[in-house]
Amino acid sequence: MMILLPLVAFAFAWSMGAHYTGACMGMPYATGSIRLRPALALMAAMTFVGALLFSHRVLVHVGHGIVGGGLGAGAATAVIGVAFLLTT
């Protein structure tokens, strides 16, 4: 289960990145306001900066505020897997 957890987490992160990139840059790209490569470069840079600067508080809140006790690898994989299925 420990091997599956990072794979499911990576798939979930990839899915969220693809979803929100489309939501943020879909309309500007469709109207011709921005070309494809600059849109992808901008979203990649902003996603990296956001993860670098703001993800720690989210991790602390989820890890200690919501989950509380220790969540085993199997339960964590199930939680992330369900979140992945609900957001894909």
Protein backbone atom coordinates (compact mmCIF):
# COMPACT_ATOMS: atom_id res chain seq x y z
CA MET A 1 0.00 0.00 0.00
CA MET A 2 2.94 2.34 0.65
CA ILE A 3 3.95 2.10 -3.03
CA LEU A 4 0.43 2.84 -4.21
CA LEU A 5 -0.01 5.96 -2.04
CA PRO A 6 2.51 8.20 -3.89
CA LEU A 7 1.13 7.05 -7.25
CA VAL A 8 -2.44 7.88 -6.28
CA ALA A 9 -1.34 11.22 -4.79
CA PHE A 10 0.57 12.07 -7.98
CA ALA A 11 -2.44 11.18 -10.14
CA PHE A 12 -4.68 13.34 -7.95
CA ALA A 13 -2.28 16.30 -8.15
CA TRP A 14 -2.00 15.87 -11.93
CA SER A 15 -5.78 15.78 -12.26
CA MET A 16 -6.23 18.91 -10.16
CA GLY A 17 -3.54 20.75 -12.11
CA ALA A 18 -5.11 19.84 -15.43
CA HIS A 19 -8.59 20.75 -14.23
CA TYR A 20 -7.69 24.15 -12.81
CA THR A 21 -5.40 25.03 -15.71
CA GLY A 22 -8.34 24.49 -18.04
CA ALA A 23 -10.63 26.49 -15.78
CA CYS A 24 -8.21 29.42 -15.51
CA MET A 25 -6.83 29.56 -19.04
CA GLY A 26 -9.61 28.00 -21.10
CA MET A 27 -11.49 31.20 -21.79
CA PRO A 28 -8.45 33.43 -22.48
CA TYR A 29 -7.08 30.77 -24.83
CA ALA A 30 -10.44 30.27 -26.55
CA THR A 31 -10.85 33.99 -27.18
CA GLY A 32 -7.33 34.29 -28.55
CA SER A 33 -6.12 36.55 -25.74
CA ILE A 34 -3.20 34.24 -25.02
CA ARG A 35 -1.47 31.55 -27.02
CA LEU A 36 -1.14 27.95 -25.85
CA ARG A 37 2.53 27.87 -24.78
CA PRO A 38 2.47 31.16 -22.82
CA ALA A 39 -0.74 30.03 -21.09
CA LEU A 40 0.83 26.72 -20.07
CA ALA A 41 4.06 28.42 -18.98
CA LEU A 42 2.14 30.96 -16.89
CA MET A 43 0.02 28.28 -15.22
CA ALA A 44 3.06 26.07 -14.56
CA ALA A 45 4.93 28.95 -12.93
CA MET A 46 1.96 30.07 -10.84
CA THR A 47 1.19 26.50 -9.76
CA PHE A 48 4.78 26.01 -8.64
CA VAL A 49 4.84 29.30 -6.73
CA GLY A 50 1.49 28.54 -5.11
CA ALA A 51 2.60 25.08 -4.04
CA LEU A 52 5.90 26.42 -2.76
CA LEU A 53 4.46 29.31 -0.76
CA PHE A 54 1.01 28.17 0.35
CA SER A 55 0.87 24.37 0.54
CA HIS A 56 2.42 24.03 4.00
CA ARG A 57 -0.58 25.51 5.80
CA VAL A 58 -2.92 23.23 3.86
CA LEU A 59 -0.85 20.19 4.79
CA VAL A 60 -0.81 21.18 8.45
CA HIS A 61 -4.56 21.85 8.46
CA VAL A 62 -5.45 18.57 6.78
CA GLY A 63 -2.84 16.53 8.62
CA HIS A 64 -3.58 17.82 12.09
CA GLY A 65 -6.86 19.73 11.96
CA ILE A 66 -9.08 17.42 9.93
CA VAL A 67 -7.53 13.98 10.17
CA GLY A 68 -6.21 14.37 13.72
CA GLY A 69 -4.94 10.91 14.55
CA GLY A 70 -2.58 8.86 12.49
CA LEU A 71 -4.05 7.83 9.17
CA GLY A 72 -2.58 4.60 7.87
CA ALA A 73 -1.32 4.17 4.34
CA GLY A 74 -4.38 2.17 3.30
CA ALA A 75 -6.83 4.75 4.60
CA ALA A 76 -4.81 7.63 3.12
CA THR A 77 -4.75 5.89 -0.25
CA ALA A 78 -8.51 5.40 -0.08
CA VAL A 79 -9.14 9.05 0.84
CA ILE A 80 -6.93 10.38 -1.96
CA GLY A 81 -8.36 7.84 -4.41
CA VAL A 82 -11.93 8.88 -3.66
CA ALA A 83 -10.98 12.56 -3.96
CA PHE A 84 -9.35 11.79 -7.31
CA LEU A 85 -12.47 10.01 -8.57
CA LEU A 86 -14.76 12.81 -7.40
CA THR A 87 -12.72 15.56 -9.06
CA THR A 88 -11.90 13.83 -12.33
